[in-house]
């Protein structure tokens, strides 16, 4: 039975100069990352946007890393191009930082491991295809 990583809840704070936050789910589907998120106002969380879905091919990523903190962790996605994260609010340059709550840390570790494994398998397949 193949290892299946669970979707992980995330948050991006300081969207639009701190007036909004984005919260959603990050999941791996085949060879793509899927981010589903919703923007809401940072103060009362009354005004919410429609749910948006962004798909990022793993080939567009340079690296994926999990940084652990005392109360929360961060999944840091590093892109090969600045355009990769164009549609994701609160991203800077070629980097997207997704805040993960402590309760979701284990699921985040599993997801990052699965993403890295999939990226490695893709690179090996590309090497095999070259020969």
Foldseek 3Di string as FASTA:
>chain_A
DDDAFDWAKWKAACFPNRQKIKIFTWGDDQQKIKTWIWIAGRPPRPDIDDIDIAIAGLVQWPAWDWADDDFKIKIKTFGPAQVRCVPPTNDDGRIDIIIGGPVRVVSVVSRRVVNVVSVVVVVVVVVVVVD
